[in-house]
PDB file of N, CA and C in Angstrom:
ATOM      1  N   MET A   1     -12.024   2.675 -21.320  1.00  0.00           N
ATOM      2  CA  MET A   1     -12.051   1.646 -20.544  1.00  0.00           C
ATOM      3  C   MET A   1     -12.327   0.935 -21.653  1.00  0.00           C
ATOM      4  N   LYS A   2     -13.467   1.078 -22.399  1.00  0.00           N
ATOM      5  CA  LYS A   2     -13.719  -0.375 -23.371  1.00  0.00           C
ATOM      6  C   LYS A   2     -12.765  -0.620 -24.726  1.00  0.00           C
ATOM      7  N   LYS A   3     -12.358   0.391 -24.884  1.00  0.00           N
ATOM      8  CA  LYS A   3     -11.358   0.639 -25.934  1.00  0.00           C
ATOM      9  C   LYS A   3      -9.905   0.386 -25.762  1.00  0.00           C
ATOM     10  N   ASN A   4      -9.665  -0.122 -24.433  1.00  0.00           N
ATOM     11  CA  ASN A   4      -8.391  -0.783 -24.370  1.00  0.00           C
ATOM     12  C   ASN A   4      -8.201  -1.803 -24.377  1.00  0.00           C
ATOM     13  N   ASN A   5      -7.106  -2.559 -25.243  1.00  0.00           N
ATOM     14  CA  ASN A   5      -7.030  -4.032 -25.598  1.00  0.00           C
ATOM     15  C   ASN A   5      -6.472  -4.681 -24.619  1.00  0.00           C
ATOM     16  N   ASP A   6      -5.816  -3.972 -23.501  1.00  0.00           N
ATOM     17  CA  ASP A   6      -5.410  -5.129 -22.405  1.00  0.00           C
ATOM     18  C   ASP A   6      -6.381  -6.161 -21.593  1.00  0.00           C
ATOM     19  N   THR A   7      -6.140  -7.336 -21.420  1.00  0.00           N
ATOM     20  CA  THR A   7      -6.952  -8.518 -20.328  1.00  0.00           C
ATOM     21  C   THR A   7      -7.317  -7.221 -19.326  1.00  0.00           C
ATOM     22  N   LEU A   8      -8.506  -8.167 -18.717  1.00  0.00           N
ATOM     23  CA  LEU A   8      -9.097  -7.552 -17.560  1.00  0.00           C
ATOM     24  C   LEU A   8      -7.936  -7.988 -16.314  1.00  0.00           C
ATOM     25  N   TYR A   9      -7.620  -9.020 -16.158  1.00  0.00           N
ATOM     26  CA  TYR A   9      -6.540  -9.108 -15.175  1.00  0.00           C
ATOM     27  C   TYR A   9      -5.048  -8.314 -15.078  1.00  0.00           C
ATOM     28  N   TRP A  10      -5.126  -8.011 -16.250  1.00  0.00           N
ATOM     29  CA  TRP A  10      -3.402  -6.904 -16.556  1.00  0.00           C
ATOM     30  C   TRP A  10      -4.051  -5.590 -16.046  1.00  0.00           C
ATOM     31  N   GLN A  11      -5.403  -4.947 -16.246  1.00  0.00           N
ATOM     32  CA  GLN A  11      -5.886  -4.133 -15.673  1.00  0.00           C
ATOM     33  C   GLN A  11      -6.092  -3.946 -14.320  1.00  0.00           C
ATOM     34  N   ASN A  12      -6.560  -5.217 -13.785  1.00  0.00           N
ATOM     35  CA  ASN A  12      -6.613  -5.163 -12.214  1.00  0.00           C
ATOM     36  C   ASN A  12      -4.852  -4.692 -11.624  1.00  0.00           C
ATOM     37  N   VAL A  13      -4.277  -5.658 -12.115  1.00  0.00           N
ATOM     38  CA  VAL A  13      -2.946  -5.768 -11.720  1.00  0.00           C
ATOM     39  C   VAL A  13      -2.540  -4.140 -11.633  1.00  0.00           C
ATOM     40  N   GLN A  14      -2.509  -3.449 -12.639  1.00  0.00           N
ATOM     41  CA  GLN A  14      -2.054  -1.870 -12.938  1.00  0.00           C
ATOM     42  C   GLN A  14      -2.774  -1.351 -11.777  1.00  0.00           C
ATOM     43  N   LEU A  15      -3.830  -1.303 -11.629  1.00  0.00           N
ATOM     44  CA  LEU A  15      -4.928  -0.467 -10.889  1.00  0.00           C
ATOM     45  C   LEU A  15      -4.355  -0.591  -9.217  1.00  0.00           C
ATOM     46  N   TYR A  16      -4.048  -2.184  -8.849  1.00  0.00           N
ATOM     47  CA  TYR A  16      -3.623  -2.439  -7.488  1.00  0.00           C
ATOM     48  C   TYR A  16      -2.208  -1.903  -7.198  1.00  0.00           C
ATOM     49  N   THR A  17      -1.409  -2.152  -8.216  1.00  0.00           N
ATOM     50  CA  THR A  17       0.049  -1.386  -8.130  1.00  0.00           C
ATOM     51  C   THR A  17      -0.256  -0.025  -8.056  1.00  0.00           C
ATOM     52  N   GLN A  18      -0.621   0.474  -8.742  1.00  0.00           N
ATOM     53  CA  GLN A  18      -0.578   2.422  -8.885  1.00  0.00           C
ATOM     54  C   GLN A  18      -1.177   2.289  -7.383  1.00  0.00           C
ATOM     55  N   PHE A  19      -2.223   1.717  -6.903  1.00  0.00           N
ATOM     56  CA  PHE A  19      -2.860   2.568  -5.855  1.00  0.00           C
ATOM     57  C   PHE A  19      -3.127   1.910  -4.590  1.00  0.00           C
ATOM     58  N   GLY A  20      -3.351   0.622  -4.432  1.00  0.00           N
ATOM     59  CA  GLY A  20      -3.044  -0.466  -3.440  1.00  0.00           C
ATOM     60  C   GLY A  20      -1.639  -0.450  -2.714  1.00  0.00           C
ATOM     61  N   ALA A  21      -0.969  -0.857  -3.521  1.00  0.00           N
ATOM     62  CA  ALA A  21       0.700  -1.866  -3.088  1.00  0.00           C
ATOM     63  C   ALA A  21       1.588  -0.350  -2.562  1.00  0.00           C
ATOM     64  N   ILE A  22       1.377   0.690  -3.208  1.00  0.00           N
ATOM     65  CA  ILE A  22       2.144   1.955  -2.912  1.00  0.00           C
ATOM     66  C   ILE A  22       1.629   2.740  -1.741  1.00  0.00           C
ATOM     67  N   PHE A  23       0.545   2.921  -1.632  1.00  0.00           N
ATOM     68  CA  PHE A  23       0.209   3.617  -0.564  1.00  0.00           C
ATOM     69  C   PHE A  23       0.083   2.683   0.889  1.00  0.00           C
ATOM     70  N   ASN A  24      -0.324   1.383   0.561  1.00  0.00           N
ATOM     71  CA  ASN A  24       0.382   0.383   1.578  1.00  0.00           C
ATOM     72  C   ASN A  24       1.572   0.370   2.154  1.00  0.00           C
ATOM     73  N   ILE A  25       2.291   0.201   1.257  1.00  0.00           N
ATOM     74  CA  ILE A  25       3.999   0.170   1.631  1.00  0.00           C
ATOM     75  C   ILE A  25       4.048   1.635   2.386  1.00  0.00           C
ATOM     76  N   GLY A  26       3.785   2.796   1.629  1.00  0.00           N
ATOM     77  CA  GLY A  26       4.220   4.140   2.300  1.00  0.00           C
ATOM     78  C   GLY A  26       3.739   4.181   3.766  1.00  0.00           C
ATOM     79  N   ARG A  27       2.540   3.265   4.156  1.00  0.00           N
ATOM     80  CA  ARG A  27       2.039   3.893   5.173  1.00  0.00           C
ATOM     81  C   ARG A  27       2.511   2.874   6.508  1.00  0.00           C
ATOM     82  N   ILE A  28       3.004   1.593   5.814  1.00  0.00           N
ATOM     83  CA  ILE A  28       3.780   0.719   6.673  1.00  0.00           C
ATOM     84  C   ILE A  28       5.037   1.210   7.034  1.00  0.00           C
ATOM     85  N   PHE A  29       5.925   1.896   6.552  1.00  0.00           N
ATOM     86  CA  PHE A  29       7.127   2.598   6.532  1.00  0.00           C
ATOM     87  C   PHE A  29       6.887   4.110   6.978  1.00  0.00           C
ATOM     88  N   LEU A  30       6.072   4.662   6.796  1.00  0.00           N
ATOM     89  CA  LEU A  30       5.792   5.459   8.052  1.00  0.00           C
ATOM     90  C   LEU A  30       5.678   5.397   9.313  1.00  0.00           C
ATOM     91  N   ASP A  31       4.479   3.980   9.448  1.00  0.00           N
ATOM     92  CA  ASP A  31       4.445   3.564  11.222  1.00  0.00           C
ATOM     93  C   ASP A  31       5.486   3.317  11.652  1.00  0.00           C
ATOM     94  N   ASP A  32       6.499   2.592  10.939  1.00  0.00           N
ATOM     95  CA  ASP A  32       7.464   2.206  11.541  1.00  0.00           C
ATOM     96  C   ASP A  32       8.355   3.310  11.854  1.00  0.00           C
ATOM     97  N   PHE A  33       8.464   4.500  11.194  1.00  0.00           N
ATOM     98  CA  PHE A  33       9.416   5.553  11.055  1.00  0.00           C
ATOM     99  C   PHE A  33       8.610   6.463  12.712  1.00  0.00           C
ATOM    100  N   ARG A  34       7.345   6.258  12.678  1.00  0.00           N
ATOM    101  CA  ARG A  34       6.891   7.105  13.803  1.00  0.00           C
ATOM    102  C   ARG A  34       6.875   6.555  15.144  1.00  0.00           C
ATOM    103  N   GLY A  35       7.232   5.051  15.116  1.00  0.00           N
ATOM    104  CA  GLY A  35       7.242   4.362  15.888  1.00  0.00           C
ATOM    105  C   GLY A  35       8.343   4.013  16.780  1.00  0.00           C
ATOM    106  N   GLY A  36       9.609   4.788  15.863  1.00  0.00           N
ATOM    107  CA  GLY A  36      10.849   4.677  16.102  1.00  0.00           C
ATOM    108  C   GLY A  36      11.588   3.124  16.366  1.00  0.00           C
ATOM    109  N   PHE A  37      10.591   2.095  15.286  1.00  0.00           N
ATOM    110  CA  PHE A  37      10.766   0.752  15.401  1.00  0.00           C
ATOM    111  C   PHE A  37      11.239  -0.045  16.570  1.00  0.00           C
ATOM    112  N   GLY A  38      10.035   0.429  17.584  1.00  0.00           N
ATOM    113  CA  GLY A  38      10.076  -0.114  18.867  1.00  0.00           C
ATOM    114  C   GLY A  38       9.454  -1.980  18.846  1.00  0.00           C
ATOM    115  N   ASN A  39       8.844  -2.067  17.917  1.00  0.00           N
ATOM    116  CA  ASN A  39       7.962  -3.328  17.664  1.00  0.00           C
ATOM    117  C   ASN A  39       8.842  -4.218  16.796  1.00  0.00           C
ATOM    118  N   GLY A  40      10.186  -3.658  16.165  1.00  0.00           N
ATOM    119  CA  GLY A  40      10.989  -4.290  15.197  1.00  0.00           C
ATOM    120  C   GLY A  40      10.239  -3.790  13.738  1.00  0.00           C
ATOM    121  N   PRO A  41      10.523  -4.171  12.733  1.00  0.00           N
ATOM    122  CA  PRO A  41      10.740  -3.980  11.611  1.00  0.00           C
ATOM    123  C   PRO A  41       9.346  -4.501  11.388  1.00  0.00           C
ATOM    124  N   TRP A  42       8.825  -3.970   9.995  1.00  0.00           N
ATOM    125  CA  TRP A  42       7.363  -4.589  10.177  1.00  0.00           C
ATOM    126  C   TRP A  42       7.118  -5.512   9.465  1.00  0.00           C
ATOM    127  N   TRP A  43       7.625  -6.114   8.963  1.00  0.00           N
ATOM    128  CA  TRP A  43       7.947  -7.664   8.680  1.00  0.00           C
ATOM    129  C   TRP A  43       7.484  -8.686   9.717  1.00  0.00           C
ATOM    130  N   ASP A  44       8.010  -8.474  10.884  1.00  0.00           N
ATOM    131  CA  ASP A  44       7.608  -8.929  12.491  1.00  0.00           C
ATOM    132  C   ASP A  44       6.435  -9.099  12.938  1.00  0.00           C
ATOM    133  N   HIS A  45       5.658  -8.011  12.582  1.00  0.00           N
ATOM    134  CA  HIS A  45       4.352  -7.740  13.169  1.00  0.00           C
ATOM    135  C   HIS A  45       3.339  -7.531  11.919  1.00  0.00           C
ATOM    136  N   LEU A  46       3.520  -8.003  11.253  1.00  0.00           N
ATOM    137  CA  LEU A  46       2.506  -7.845   9.899  1.00  0.00           C
ATOM    138  C   LEU A  46       1.331  -8.772  10.029  1.00  0.00           C
ATOM    139  N   PHE A  47       1.477  -9.961  10.204  1.00  0.00           N
ATOM    140  CA  PHE A  47       0.243 -10.887  10.585  1.00  0.00           C
ATOM    141  C   PHE A  47       0.068 -11.229  11.935  1.00  0.00           C
ATOM    142  N   ASN A  48       0.095 -10.106  12.987  1.00  0.00           N
ATOM    143  CA  ASN A  48       0.183 -10.667  14.478  1.00  0.00           C
ATOM    144  C   ASN A  48      -1.308 -10.709  14.529  1.00  0.00           C
ATOM    145  N   GLY A  49      -2.061 -11.525  15.201  1.00  0.00           N
ATOM    146  CA  GLY A  49      -3.094 -11.238  15.666  1.00  0.00           C
ATOM    147  C   GLY A  49      -4.710 -11.476  14.491  1.00  0.00           C
ATOM    148  N   TYR A  50      -4.033 -11.804  13.114  1.00  0.00           N
ATOM    149  CA  TYR A  50      -5.175 -12.534  12.208  1.00  0.00           C
ATOM    150  C   TYR A  50      -5.253 -13.829  12.332  1.00  0.00           C
ATOM    151  N   THR A  51      -7.071 -14.236  12.418  1.00  0.00           N
ATOM    152  CA  THR A  51      -7.281 -15.317  12.295  1.00  0.00           C
ATOM    153  C   THR A  51      -7.640 -15.925  10.973  1.00  0.00           C
ATOM    154  N   ILE A  52      -8.491 -17.079  10.658  1.00  0.00           N
ATOM    155  CA  ILE A  52      -8.869 -16.993   9.295  1.00  0.00           C
ATOM    156  C   ILE A  52     -10.024 -16.416   8.768  1.00  0.00           C
ATOM    157  N   THR A  53     -10.525 -16.122   9.622  1.00  0.00           N
ATOM    158  CA  THR A  53     -12.020 -14.801   9.332  1.00  0.00           C
ATOM    159  C   THR A  53     -11.191 -13.748   8.346  1.00  0.00           C
ATOM    160  N   PRO A  54     -10.332 -12.848   8.834  1.00  0.00           N
ATOM    161  CA  PRO A  54      -9.967 -11.848   7.754  1.00  0.00           C
ATOM    162  C   PRO A  54      -9.201 -12.448   6.340  1.00  0.00           C
ATOM    163  N   TRP A  55      -8.775 -13.861   6.180  1.00  0.00           N
ATOM    164  CA  TRP A  55      -8.226 -14.450   5.336  1.00  0.00           C
ATOM    165  C   TRP A  55      -9.644 -14.623   4.246  1.00  0.00           C
ATOM    166  N   LEU A  56     -10.566 -15.273   4.906  1.00  0.00           N
ATOM    167  CA  LEU A  56     -11.596 -15.520   4.279  1.00  0.00           C
ATOM    168  C   LEU A  56     -12.525 -14.506   3.580  1.00  0.00           C
ATOM    169  N   VAL A  57     -12.185 -13.116   3.983  1.00  0.00           N
ATOM    170  CA  VAL A  57     -13.191 -12.278   4.090  1.00  0.00           C
ATOM    171  C   VAL A  57     -12.390 -11.381   3.013  1.00  0.00           C
ATOM    172  N   VAL A  58     -11.091 -11.549   2.916  1.00  0.00           N
ATOM    173  CA  VAL A  58      -9.962 -10.645   1.620  1.00  0.00           C
ATOM    174  C   VAL A  58     -10.407 -11.533   0.491  1.00  0.00           C
ATOM    175  N   LEU A  59     -10.476 -12.825   0.880  1.00  0.00           N
ATOM    176  CA  LEU A  59     -10.374 -13.543  -0.620  1.00  0.00           C
ATOM    177  C   LEU A  59     -12.173 -13.456  -1.138  1.00  0.00           C
ATOM    178  N   ASN A  60     -12.848 -13.227  -0.183  1.00  0.00           N
ATOM    179  CA  ASN A  60     -14.026 -13.133  -0.830  1.00  0.00           C
ATOM    180  C   ASN A  60     -14.686 -11.786  -1.393  1.00  0.00           C
ATOM    181  N   ILE A  61     -13.992 -10.846  -1.284  1.00  0.00           N
ATOM    182  CA  ILE A  61     -13.786  -9.748  -1.656  1.00  0.00           C
ATOM    183  C   ILE A  61     -13.053  -9.726  -2.994  1.00  0.00           C
ATOM    184  N   CYS A  62     -12.037 -10.265  -3.444  1.00  0.00           N
ATOM    185  CA  CYS A  62     -11.450 -10.398  -4.304  1.00  0.00           C
ATOM    186  C   CYS A  62     -11.790 -11.015  -5.526  1.00  0.00           C
ATOM    187  N   PHE A  63     -12.296 -12.521  -4.891  1.00  0.00           N
ATOM    188  CA  PHE A  63     -13.395 -13.001  -6.205  1.00  0.00           C
ATOM    189  C   PHE A  63     -14.627 -12.071  -6.723  1.00  0.00           C
ATOM    190  N   THR A  64     -15.235 -11.665  -5.554  1.00  0.00           N
ATOM    191  CA  THR A  64     -16.079 -10.713  -5.836  1.00  0.00           C
ATOM    192  C   THR A  64     -16.135  -9.608  -6.610  1.00  0.00           C
ATOM    193  N   GLY A  65     -14.706  -8.905  -6.664  1.00  0.00           N
ATOM    194  CA  GLY A  65     -14.498  -8.014  -7.388  1.00  0.00           C
ATOM    195  C   GLY A  65     -14.146  -8.614  -9.050  1.00  0.00           C
ATOM    196  N   LEU A  66     -13.443  -9.735  -9.172  1.00  0.00           N
ATOM    197  CA  LEU A  66     -13.254 -10.527 -10.302  1.00  0.00           C
ATOM    198  C   LEU A  66     -14.688 -10.508 -11.180  1.00  0.00           C
ATOM    199  N   LEU A  67     -15.489 -11.362 -10.319  1.00  0.00           N
ATOM    200  CA  LEU A  67     -16.831 -11.647 -10.893  1.00  0.00           C
ATOM    201  C   LEU A  67     -17.089 -10.342 -11.441  1.00  0.00           C
ATOM    202  N   VAL A  68     -17.327  -9.307 -11.050  1.00  0.00           N
ATOM    203  CA  VAL A  68     -18.205  -7.983 -10.894  1.00  0.00           C
ATOM    204  C   VAL A  68     -17.572  -7.390 -12.236  1.00  0.00           C
ATOM    205  N   SER A  69     -16.261  -7.270 -12.403  1.00  0.00           N
ATOM    206  CA  SER A  69     -15.604  -6.896 -13.486  1.00  0.00           C
ATOM    207  C   SER A  69     -15.282  -7.657 -15.158  1.00  0.00           C
ATOM    208  N   TRP A  70     -15.832  -8.929 -14.243  1.00  0.00           N
ATOM    209  CA  TRP A  70     -15.913 -10.122 -15.937  1.00  0.00           C
ATOM    210  C   TRP A  70     -17.388  -9.457 -15.949  1.00  0.00           C
ATOM    211  N   LEU A  71     -18.355  -9.399 -15.196  1.00  0.00           N
ATOM    212  CA  LEU A  71     -19.915  -9.306 -15.548  1.00  0.00           C
ATOM    213  C   LEU A  71     -19.778  -7.984 -16.185  1.00  0.00           C
ATOM    214  N   MET A  72     -19.485  -7.094 -15.793  1.00  0.00           N
ATOM    215  CA  MET A  72     -19.424  -5.643 -16.463  1.00  0.00           C
ATOM    216  C   MET A  72     -18.626  -5.444 -18.060  1.00  0.00           C
ATOM    217  N   THR A  73     -17.731  -6.407 -18.033  1.00  0.00           N
ATOM    218  CA  THR A  73     -17.013  -6.429 -19.189  1.00  0.00           C
ATOM    219  C   THR A  73     -17.685  -7.381 -20.471  1.00  0.00           C
ATOM    220  N   TYR A  74     -18.124  -8.309 -20.099  1.00  0.00           N
ATOM    221  CA  TYR A  74     -18.558  -9.271 -20.994  1.00  0.00           C
ATOM    222  C   TYR A  74     -20.209  -9.636 -21.085  1.00  0.00           C
ATOM    223  N   ALA A  75     -21.014  -9.067 -20.163  1.00  0.00           N
ATOM    224  CA  ALA A  75     -22.381  -9.453 -20.023  1.00  0.00           C
ATOM    225  C   ALA A  75     -22.888  -8.165 -20.600  1.00  0.00           C
ATOM    226  N   GLY A  76     -24.435  -8.841 -21.225  1.00  0.00           N
ATOM    227  CA  GLY A  76     -25.404  -7.914 -21.750  1.00  0.00           C
ATOM    228  C   GLY A  76     -25.858  -6.947 -20.823  1.00  0.00           C
ATOM    229  N   ASN A  77     -26.779  -5.889 -21.440  1.00  0.00           N
ATOM    230  CA  ASN A  77     -27.313  -4.876 -20.453  1.00  0.00           C
ATOM    231  C   ASN A  77     -28.460  -5.800 -19.544  1.00  0.00           C
ATOM    232  N   ILE A  78     -29.347  -6.754 -20.216  1.00  0.00           N
ATOM    233  CA  ILE A  78     -29.820  -7.461 -19.415  1.00  0.00           C
ATOM    234  C   ILE A  78     -29.147  -8.126 -18.188  1.00  0.00           C
ATOM    235  N   VAL A  79     -28.471  -8.687 -18.156  1.00  0.00           N
ATOM    236  CA  VAL A  79     -27.663  -9.111 -17.369  1.00  0.00           C
ATOM    237  C   VAL A  79     -27.168  -8.357 -15.889  1.00  0.00           C
ATOM    238  N   LYS A  80     -26.557  -7.318 -16.407  1.00  0.00           N
ATOM    239  CA  LYS A  80     -26.615  -6.203 -16.016  1.00  0.00           C
ATOM    240  C   LYS A  80     -27.375  -5.661 -14.615  1.00  0.00           C
ATOM    241  N   ASP A  81     -28.208  -5.395 -15.601  1.00  0.00           N
ATOM    242  CA  ASP A  81     -29.358  -4.956 -14.880  1.00  0.00           C
ATOM    243  C   ASP A  81     -30.078  -5.756 -13.585  1.00  0.00           C
ATOM    244  N   LEU A  82     -30.251  -7.438 -14.033  1.00  0.00           N
ATOM    245  CA  LEU A  82     -30.308  -7.913 -13.178  1.00  0.00           C
ATOM    246  C   LEU A  82     -29.533  -8.341 -11.828  1.00  0.00           C
ATOM    247  N   TYR A  83     -28.120  -8.068 -12.384  1.00  0.00           N
ATOM    248  CA  TYR A  83     -27.002  -8.148 -11.299  1.00  0.00           C
ATOM    249  C   TYR A  83     -27.605  -7.079 -10.121  1.00  0.00           C
ATOM    250  N   HIS A  84     -27.676  -5.889 -10.858  1.00  0.00           N
ATOM    251  CA  HIS A  84     -28.007  -4.356  -9.902  1.00  0.00           C
ATOM    252  C   HIS A  84     -29.133  -4.810  -8.911  1.00  0.00           C
ATOM    253  N   SER A  85     -29.912  -5.338  -9.512  1.00  0.00           N
ATOM    254  CA  SER A  85     -31.576  -5.348  -8.990  1.00  0.00           C
ATOM    255  C   SER A  85     -31.218  -6.340  -7.775  1.00  0.00           C
ATOM    256  N   HIS A  86     -30.488  -7.383  -8.025  1.00  0.00           N
ATOM    257  CA  HIS A  86     -30.570  -8.299  -6.676  1.00  0.00           C
ATOM    258  C   HIS A  86     -29.229  -8.180  -6.043  1.00  0.00           C
ATOM    259  N   SER A  87     -28.578  -7.074  -6.288  1.00  0.00           N
ATOM    260  CA  SER A  87     -27.782  -6.669  -5.238  1.00  0.00           C
ATOM    261  C   SER A  87     -28.405  -5.629  -4.303  1.00  0.00           C
ATOM    262  N   MET A  88     -29.170  -4.934  -4.982  1.00  0.00           N
ATOM    263  CA  MET A  88     -29.914  -3.966  -4.271  1.00  0.00           C
ATOM    264  C   MET A  88     -30.879  -4.754  -3.053  1.00  0.00           C
ATOM    265  N   LEU A  89     -31.400  -5.955  -3.956  1.00  0.00           N
ATOM    266  CA  LEU A  89     -32.077  -6.585  -2.546  1.00  0.00           C
ATOM    267  C   LEU A  89     -31.418  -7.115  -1.819  1.00  0.00           C
ATOM    268  N   ALA A  90     -30.123  -7.836  -1.947  1.00  0.00           N
ATOM    269  CA  ALA A  90     -29.421  -8.183  -1.023  1.00  0.00           C
ATOM    270  C   ALA A  90     -28.939  -7.288   0.167  1.00  0.00           C
ATOM    271  N   ILE A  91     -28.694  -6.156  -0.571  1.00  0.00           N
ATOM    272  CA  ILE A  91     -28.234  -5.203   1.083  1.00  0.00           C
ATOM    273  C   ILE A  91     -29.094  -5.187   1.663  1.00  0.00           C
TER     274      ILE A  91
END
């Protein structure tokens, strides 16, 4: 991982595309085929029932992941140890 010259953001895009998007799209199509399209296509009911709270949770997790990946890439060992100790106290 450290010998890779790609940027951190490009590595995150590759990781999400390979695992997150492909498996999630496959699951959406599988659910539609199993249900016989009784509720219409997936884009008609994709965001039904969501409020602002799940969107804020997703944004929080995204920015936390970017912060942690930046910290692990560019910070020194002392900062990493302090981060791990604080995260254990927070949990």
